[in-house]
Amino acid sequence: MLFTGFPPGALPTPFRFPPSGLSSMKKQLLQAVAAAAIVGTLPFAALAQNAAIVNGKAVPKARMDILAQQLASAGRPVTPEMQGQLREEVIAREVFMQEAHKQGLDAGDDYRNQLELARQAILIRTLFDNYRKQNPVTDAAVQAEYDKFVAANSGKEFKARHILVETEDQAKKVLADLKKGQKFEDIAKKQSKDPGSGANGGDLDWSNPSSFVQEFSEAMIKLKKGETTPAPVKSEFGYHIIRVDDIRQAQLPKLEEVKPQVMQQLQQQKLQKYQEELRAKAKVE
């Protein structure tokens, strides 16, 4: 939870009382006295605005709110029970910052360079966040993108295997070995140059023909279930021996199932186009 990595409760707490030996009323009284000793004569309004006073310096409660917002934006909403941890976090940061200032580290070139890079990153991120808010992806755009996906992936899917070798002679030998009764899967494991499928006996799983290079797809769609290409198929990767294990109608997800991914993809595309436009309009000498 803590950004600094400082474990909760590790910081020394002033006026820590033993769990026993004091009545509840006495504990409350001593805690009130301790608090008064820390804050001195600060008005109650100041107390409400500060998370703590560290070495005489006020630590605004707003820092806790900022940390809570950062955690929430990262998918970790802050519960009321975590307020104590947030307070310890801002206290720890203030302690460390004070020590860094005391040692003069904020005057070093390394600190200033990192601070400038951080400033740039924050400002650029704010720019992009603002663009996303002002240019949201519409439902109509999501539907159009989904329709394009359906059009490109509808039809038949093939569950195929292949053996990839470097030369035509090697491919012809594979075909000859298959005719002699050797198992396709065994040859693929031993000889296929495709690191992705070779270890799995050449298995390419269910795929749309558009997933493969043209030469491979054209040869595959001519095969019926259980058939193997009668001759090697040449592509930019080498020579393939292809076998189709099964054929089915494409199983496509519904729009509701992929809508978040489609929206994210379109959002990234819009942001990339925006970045390219800004870069193109910039006068660089």
Protein backbone atom coordinates (compact mmCIF):
# COMPACT_ATOMS: atom_id res chain seq x y z
CA MET A 1 0.00 0.00 0.00
CA LEU A 2 2.69 2.46 1.04
CA PHE A 3 4.44 4.12 -1.91
CA THR A 4 7.66 4.51 0.05
CA GLY A 5 7.73 0.86 0.96
CA PHE A 6 7.79 1.87 4.62
CA PRO A 7 5.76 -0.79 6.47
CA PRO A 8 2.69 0.47 8.33
CA GLY A 9 3.49 1.27 11.95
CA ALA A 10 7.24 1.32 11.37
CA LEU A 11 7.50 5.05 11.96
CA PRO A 12 7.92 5.92 15.65
CA THR A 13 4.73 7.36 17.07
CA PRO A 14 5.01 10.00 19.81
CA PHE A 15 3.08 9.36 22.99
CA ARG A 16 2.57 5.63 22.42
CA PHE A 17 0.83 4.16 25.48
CA PRO A 18 0.89 0.55 26.67
CA PRO A 19 -2.32 -1.41 26.05
CA SER A 20 -2.88 -1.86 29.74
CA GLY A 21 -2.34 0.12 32.92
CA LEU A 22 -4.35 3.17 31.82
CA SER A 23 -8.06 3.58 31.94
CA SER A 24 -9.87 4.51 28.75
CA MET A 25 -10.59 7.98 30.10
CA LYS A 26 -6.97 8.54 31.06
CA LYS A 27 -5.82 7.39 27.64
CA GLN A 28 -8.14 9.85 25.91
CA LEU A 29 -6.97 12.67 28.19
CA LEU A 30 -3.29 11.94 27.59
CA GLN A 31 -3.84 11.66 23.84
CA ALA A 32 -5.55 15.04 23.83
CA VAL A 33 -2.66 16.57 25.76
CA ALA A 34 -0.18 14.97 23.37
CA ALA A 35 -2.01 16.34 20.35
CA ALA A 36 -2.07 19.79 21.89
CA ALA A 37 1.66 19.57 22.54
CA ILE A 38 2.32 18.74 18.91
CA VAL A 39 0.18 21.41 17.28
CA GLY A 40 0.73 24.11 19.88
CA THR A 41 -1.79 26.90 19.53
CA LEU A 42 -2.90 26.19 15.96
CA PRO A 43 -6.61 26.91 15.49
CA PHE A 44 -9.00 24.03 14.99
CA ALA A 45 -9.47 25.01 11.30
CA ALA A 46 -5.77 24.38 10.74
CA LEU A 47 -6.03 21.00 12.43
CA ALA A 48 -8.80 20.00 10.08
CA GLN A 49 -6.74 21.01 7.06
CA ASN A 50 -3.56 19.17 8.04
CA ALA A 51 -2.79 15.48 8.24
CA ALA A 52 0.03 16.09 10.72
CA ILE A 53 2.75 18.48 11.86
CA VAL A 54 6.23 17.11 11.13
CA ASN A 55 9.16 18.90 12.74
CA GLY A 56 7.01 22.00 13.00
CA LYS A 57 5.91 21.89 9.35
CA ALA A 58 2.29 21.33 8.43
CA VAL A 59 1.48 18.40 6.15
CA PRO A 60 -1.75 19.27 4.29
CA LYS A 61 -4.51 16.69 4.39
CA ALA A 62 -4.90 17.35 0.67
CA ARG A 63 -1.83 15.15 0.12
CA MET A 64 -3.79 12.19 1.44
CA ASP A 65 -6.61 13.02 -0.95
CA ILE A 66 -4.21 13.14 -3.90
CA LEU A 67 -2.74 9.75 -3.01
CA ALA A 68 -6.23 8.32 -2.66
CA GLN A 69 -7.12 9.63 -6.13
CA GLN A 70 -3.97 8.11 -7.62
CA LEU A 71 -4.75 4.73 -6.11
CA ALA A 72 -8.35 4.89 -7.29
CA SER A 73 -7.28 5.74 -10.85
CA ALA A 74 -4.97 2.70 -10.75
CA GLY A 75 -7.89 0.47 -9.78
CA ARG A 76 -7.27 0.40 -6.02
CA PRO A 77 -10.07 2.39 -4.37
CA VAL A 78 -9.25 3.62 -0.87
CA THR A 79 -11.56 2.47 1.90
CA PRO A 80 -12.13 4.39 5.16
CA GLU A 81 -10.03 1.77 6.95
CA MET A 82 -7.01 2.79 4.84
CA GLN A 83 -6.96 6.41 6.01
CA GLY A 84 -4.41 5.59 8.67
CA GLN A 85 -2.06 4.09 6.08
CA LEU A 86 -2.47 7.13 3.85
CA ARG A 87 -1.61 9.39 6.76
CA GLU A 88 1.50 7.35 7.57
CA GLU A 89 2.48 7.55 3.92
CA VAL A 90 2.33 11.35 3.70
CA ILE A 91 4.13 11.64 7.04
CA ALA A 92 6.91 9.33 5.84
CA ARG A 93 7.26 11.29 2.64
CA GLU A 94 7.48 14.56 4.53
CA VAL A 95 10.16 13.15 6.84
CA PHE A 96 12.23 11.94 3.90
CA MET A 97 11.74 15.17 1.94
CA GLN A 98 12.87 17.25 4.89
CA GLU A 99 16.01 15.15 5.24
CA ALA A 100 16.72 15.42 1.49
CA HIS A 101 16.37 19.21 1.67
CA LYS A 102 18.56 19.26 4.76
CA GLN A 103 21.29 17.45 2.82
CA GLY A 104 20.92 19.85 -0.11
CA LEU A 105 19.95 17.12 -2.56
CA ASP A 106 17.34 19.34 -4.19
CA ALA A 107 20.12 21.59 -5.47
CA GLY A 108 21.86 18.83 -7.44
CA ASP A 109 21.78 18.52 -11.22
CA ASP A 110 20.54 14.93 -11.06
CA TYR A 111 17.50 15.95 -9.03
CA ARG A 112 16.72 18.88 -11.28
CA ASN A 113 17.04 16.77 -14.44
CA GLN A 114 14.73 14.09 -13.05
CA LEU A 115 12.30 16.73 -11.88
CA GLU A 116 12.16 18.21 -15.38
CA LEU A 117 11.54 14.80 -16.95
CA ALA A 118 8.79 14.11 -14.41
CA ARG A 119 7.23 17.51 -15.12
CA GLN A 120 7.21 16.78 -18.85
CA ALA A 121 5.69 13.33 -18.35
CA ILE A 122 2.92 14.65 -16.10
CA LEU A 123 2.06 17.50 -18.45
CA ILE A 124 2.02 15.24 -21.52
CA ARG A 125 -0.14 12.68 -19.73
CA THR A 126 -2.54 15.46 -18.77
CA LEU A 127 -2.66 16.59 -22.40
CA PHE A 128 -3.54 13.09 -23.60
CA ASP A 129 -6.11 12.57 -20.84
CA ASN A 130 -7.74 15.84 -21.79
CA TYR A 131 -7.83 14.78 -25.46
CA ARG A 132 -9.52 11.49 -24.55
CA LYS A 133 -12.17 13.28 -22.54
CA GLN A 134 -12.91 15.70 -25.36
CA ASN A 135 -12.82 13.02 -28.07
CA PRO A 136 -14.55 9.93 -26.68
CA VAL A 137 -15.09 6.81 -28.78
CA THR A 138 -18.74 6.62 -29.79
CA ASP A 139 -20.95 3.54 -29.82
CA ALA A 140 -21.40 4.02 -33.56
CA ALA A 141 -17.63 3.81 -34.08
CA VAL A 142 -17.44 0.67 -31.98
CA GLN A 143 -20.27 -0.94 -33.97
CA ALA A 144 -18.59 -0.05 -37.27
CA GLU A 145 -15.28 -1.55 -36.14
CA TYR A 146 -17.02 -4.70 -34.95
CA ASP A 147 -18.84 -5.03 -38.29
CA LYS A 148 -15.49 -4.82 -40.09
CA PHE A 149 -14.13 -7.54 -37.83
CA VAL A 150 -17.11 -9.79 -38.53
CA ALA A 151 -16.84 -9.25 -42.26
CA ALA A 152 -13.14 -10.12 -42.26
CA ASN A 153 -13.47 -13.19 -40.04
CA SER A 154 -16.80 -14.74 -40.95
CA GLY A 155 -17.06 -17.91 -42.99
CA LYS A 156 -15.13 -21.06 -42.23
CA GLU A 157 -12.42 -21.71 -39.67
CA PHE A 158 -9.81 -24.42 -40.10
CA LYS A 159 -8.09 -26.49 -37.44
CA ALA A 160 -4.85 -27.21 -39.24
CA ARG A 161 -1.33 -28.48 -38.67
CA HIS A 162 1.79 -27.83 -40.68
CA ILE A 163 5.41 -28.85 -40.94
CA LEU A 164 7.79 -26.08 -41.98
CA VAL A 165 11.17 -26.90 -43.53
CA GLU A 166 13.78 -24.86 -45.35
CA THR A 167 14.08 -26.60 -48.72
CA GLU A 168 11.76 -28.23 -51.23
CA ASP A 169 13.74 -31.47 -51.06
CA GLN A 170 13.21 -31.63 -47.29
CA ALA A 171 9.50 -31.05 -47.80
CA LYS A 172 9.29 -33.83 -50.40
CA LYS A 173 11.01 -36.20 -48.00
CA VAL A 174 8.45 -35.31 -45.32
CA LEU A 175 5.66 -36.21 -47.75
CA ALA A 176 7.38 -39.49 -48.55
CA ASP A 177 7.74 -40.32 -44.85
CA LEU A 178 4.05 -39.56 -44.31
CA LYS A 179 3.12 -41.96 -47.11
CA LYS A 180 5.23 -44.63 -45.41
CA GLY A 181 3.07 -44.27 -42.31
CA GLN A 182 5.06 -41.94 -40.08
CA LYS A 183 2.90 -39.73 -37.89
CA PHE A 184 2.48 -36.10 -38.91
CA GLU A 185 2.78 -34.95 -35.29
CA ASP A 186 6.04 -36.81 -34.71
CA ILE A 187 7.69 -35.41 -37.81
CA ALA A 188 6.54 -31.89 -36.90
CA LYS A 189 8.08 -32.13 -33.43
CA LYS A 190 11.41 -33.32 -34.84
CA GLN A 191 11.76 -31.36 -38.08
CA SER A 192 9.45 -28.32 -38.18
CA LYS A 193 11.24 -24.97 -38.12
CA ASP A 194 8.15 -23.20 -36.74
CA PRO A 195 8.96 -22.64 -33.06
CA GLY A 196 5.37 -21.82 -32.22
CA SER A 197 3.66 -24.95 -33.51
CA GLY A 198 6.47 -27.47 -33.94
CA ALA A 199 6.59 -28.49 -30.29
CA ASN A 200 2.84 -29.13 -30.43
CA GLY A 201 2.99 -31.44 -33.41
CA GLY A 202 2.41 -28.62 -35.88
CA ASP A 203 -0.93 -27.63 -34.30
CA LEU A 204 -2.14 -24.18 -35.42
CA ASP A 205 -5.45 -24.41 -33.54
CA TRP A 206 -8.66 -22.94 -34.99
CA SER A 207 -7.86 -20.09 -37.35
CA ASN A 208 -9.42 -18.02 -40.08
CA PRO A 209 -7.64 -18.28 -43.45
CA SER A 210 -6.92 -14.56 -43.28
CA SER A 211 -4.58 -15.28 -40.36
CA PHE A 212 -1.99 -16.83 -42.69
CA VAL A 213 0.08 -15.67 -45.65
CA GLN A 214 -1.69 -15.93 -48.98
CA GLU A 215 0.11 -19.02 -50.32
CA PHE A 216 -0.62 -20.95 -47.13
CA SER A 217 -4.29 -19.90 -47.01
CA GLU A 218 -4.95 -20.71 -50.66
CA ALA A 219 -3.55 -24.21 -50.23
CA MET A 220 -5.33 -24.83 -46.91
CA ILE A 221 -8.85 -23.90 -48.06
CA LYS A 222 -8.64 -26.41 -50.90
CA LEU A 223 -8.29 -29.29 -48.44
CA LYS A 224 -11.12 -31.29 -46.95
CA LYS A 225 -11.18 -32.56 -43.39
CA GLY A 226 -8.33 -35.05 -42.88
CA GLU A 227 -6.49 -34.18 -46.11
CA THR A 228 -2.83 -33.18 -46.49
CA THR A 229 -1.37 -31.02 -49.23
CA PRO A 230 -0.13 -33.34 -52.01
CA ALA A 231 2.88 -31.08 -52.73
CA PRO A 232 5.01 -28.66 -50.71
CA VAL A 233 3.60 -25.14 -50.34
CA LYS A 234 6.20 -22.40 -50.69
CA SER A 235 5.94 -19.14 -48.75
CA GLU A 236 8.33 -16.46 -47.54
CA PHE A 237 9.05 -18.65 -44.50
CA GLY A 238 10.03 -21.81 -46.36
CA TYR A 239 8.14 -24.93 -47.49
CA HIS A 240 5.00 -26.15 -45.73
CA ILE A 241 3.24 -29.48 -45.55
CA ILE A 242 -0.32 -28.71 -44.39
CA ARG A 243 -2.98 -31.00 -42.94
CA VAL A 244 -6.55 -29.96 -42.10
CA ASP A 245 -7.92 -31.77 -39.06
CA ASP A 246 -11.33 -30.11 -38.95
CA ILE A 247 -13.50 -27.36 -40.47
CA ARG A 248 -16.33 -25.34 -38.89
CA GLN A 249 -18.24 -22.09 -39.22
CA ALA A 250 -16.44 -19.20 -37.61
CA GLN A 251 -17.21 -18.80 -33.90
CA LEU A 252 -17.20 -15.03 -33.38
CA PRO A 253 -17.71 -13.27 -30.04
CA LYS A 254 -20.71 -10.99 -29.58
CA LEU A 255 -20.22 -7.23 -29.56
CA GLU A 256 -20.91 -7.02 -25.83
CA GLU A 257 -18.09 -9.45 -25.13
CA VAL A 258 -15.43 -7.48 -27.00
CA LYS A 259 -16.72 -3.92 -26.67
CA PRO A 260 -14.15 -2.85 -24.01
CA GLN A 261 -11.26 -4.11 -26.14
CA VAL A 262 -12.64 -2.48 -29.28
CA MET A 263 -13.11 0.84 -27.47
CA GLN A 264 -9.56 0.71 -26.13
CA GLN A 265 -8.19 -0.08 -29.58
CA LEU A 266 -10.09 2.78 -31.21
CA GLN A 267 -9.06 5.14 -28.43
CA GLN A 268 -5.41 4.25 -28.96
CA GLN A 269 -5.81 4.79 -32.70
CA LYS A 270 -7.36 8.23 -32.17
CA LEU A 271 -4.63 9.21 -29.73
CA GLN A 272 -1.89 8.04 -32.09
CA LYS A 273 -3.41 10.04 -34.93
CA TYR A 274 -3.58 13.10 -32.67
CA GLN A 275 0.09 12.70 -31.75
CA GLU A 276 1.08 12.34 -35.40
CA GLU A 277 -0.91 15.46 -36.34
CA LEU A 278 0.75 17.54 -33.63
CA ARG A 279 4.18 16.32 -34.72
CA ALA A 280 3.45 17.03 -38.38
CA LYS A 281 2.30 20.60 -37.65
CA ALA A 282 5.29 21.40 -35.46
CA LYS A 283 7.98 23.63 -37.00
CA VAL A 284 11.27 21.92 -36.29
CA GLU A 285 14.55 23.55 -37.34
